[in-house]
């Protein structure tokens, strides 16, 4: 999956394809599953990618470290 580099202290890049959100953190890459496209769009529009991930994605969607 192609990821887009983002300006964040903890998030390096973000990609989205077919409901899968792939996030590259400084500590590794995680895939979040069954994420609606609007969540990805809100994440990319947010001023703080790390805060948005923590508040809206990490606790709400199944994920795995790859």
Protein backbone atom coordinates (compact mmCIF):
# COMPACT_ATOMS: atom_id res chain seq x y z
CA UNK A 1 0.00 0.00 0.00
CA UNK A 2 1.28 3.44 -0.85
CA UNK A 3 1.52 5.73 2.17
CA UNK A 4 1.59 9.53 2.30
CA UNK A 5 4.21 11.22 4.49
CA UNK A 6 2.67 13.39 7.20
CA UNK A 7 3.95 16.16 9.46
CA UNK A 8 3.80 14.60 12.92
CA UNK A 9 6.19 13.87 15.76
CA UNK A 10 4.98 10.25 16.13
CA UNK A 11 3.37 9.37 12.77
CA UNK A 12 5.63 9.02 9.72
CA UNK A 13 3.13 8.12 6.99
CA UNK A 14 -0.47 7.03 6.39
CA UNK A 15 -2.11 4.95 3.66
CA UNK A 16 -5.67 3.84 2.99
CA UNK A 17 -7.07 1.20 0.67
CA UNK A 18 -10.35 -0.69 0.73
CA UNK A 19 -11.13 -0.11 4.40
CA UNK A 20 -7.61 -0.80 5.63
CA UNK A 21 -5.73 2.09 7.21
CA UNK A 22 -1.98 1.60 7.34
CA UNK A 23 -0.09 3.85 9.73
CA UNK A 24 3.68 4.03 10.03
CA UNK A 25 4.64 5.22 13.50
CA UNK A 26 8.19 5.86 14.67
CA UNK A 27 7.85 2.50 16.45
CA UNK A 28 6.55 0.44 13.52
CA UNK A 29 3.72 -0.09 11.04
CA UNK A 30 0.15 -0.91 12.07
CA UNK A 31 -2.87 -1.90 9.99
CA UNK A 32 -6.34 -0.93 11.19
CA UNK A 33 -9.25 -2.82 9.62
CA UNK A 34 -12.78 -1.89 8.49
CA UNK A 35 -12.06 1.83 8.76
CA UNK A 36 -14.55 4.02 6.84
CA UNK A 37 -13.07 6.34 4.24
CA UNK A 38 -14.40 9.42 6.04
CA UNK A 39 -12.24 8.51 9.07
CA UNK A 40 -9.16 8.47 6.83
CA UNK A 41 -10.17 11.83 5.36
CA UNK A 42 -10.70 13.33 8.82
CA UNK A 43 -7.33 11.96 9.95
CA UNK A 44 -5.54 13.52 7.00
CA UNK A 45 -7.31 16.86 7.59
CA UNK A 46 -6.58 16.94 11.32
CA UNK A 47 -4.00 19.27 12.80
CA UNK A 48 -2.68 16.53 15.08
CA UNK A 49 -2.48 13.10 13.45
CA UNK A 50 -1.36 11.43 16.69
CA UNK A 51 -4.22 12.86 18.73
CA UNK A 52 -6.79 11.98 16.09
CA UNK A 53 -5.47 8.40 15.91
CA UNK A 54 -5.57 8.05 19.68
CA UNK A 55 -9.07 9.49 20.09
CA UNK A 56 -10.84 8.05 17.03
CA UNK A 57 -9.02 5.00 15.68
CA UNK A 58 -6.84 3.08 18.15
CA UNK A 59 -9.69 2.11 20.49
CA UNK A 60 -12.37 1.66 17.81
CA UNK A 61 -10.87 -0.64 15.16
CA UNK A 62 -9.14 -4.01 15.12
CA UNK A 63 -5.47 -3.74 14.25
CA UNK A 64 -2.20 -5.62 14.00
CA UNK A 65 1.43 -4.65 13.88
CA UNK A 66 3.10 -5.70 10.65
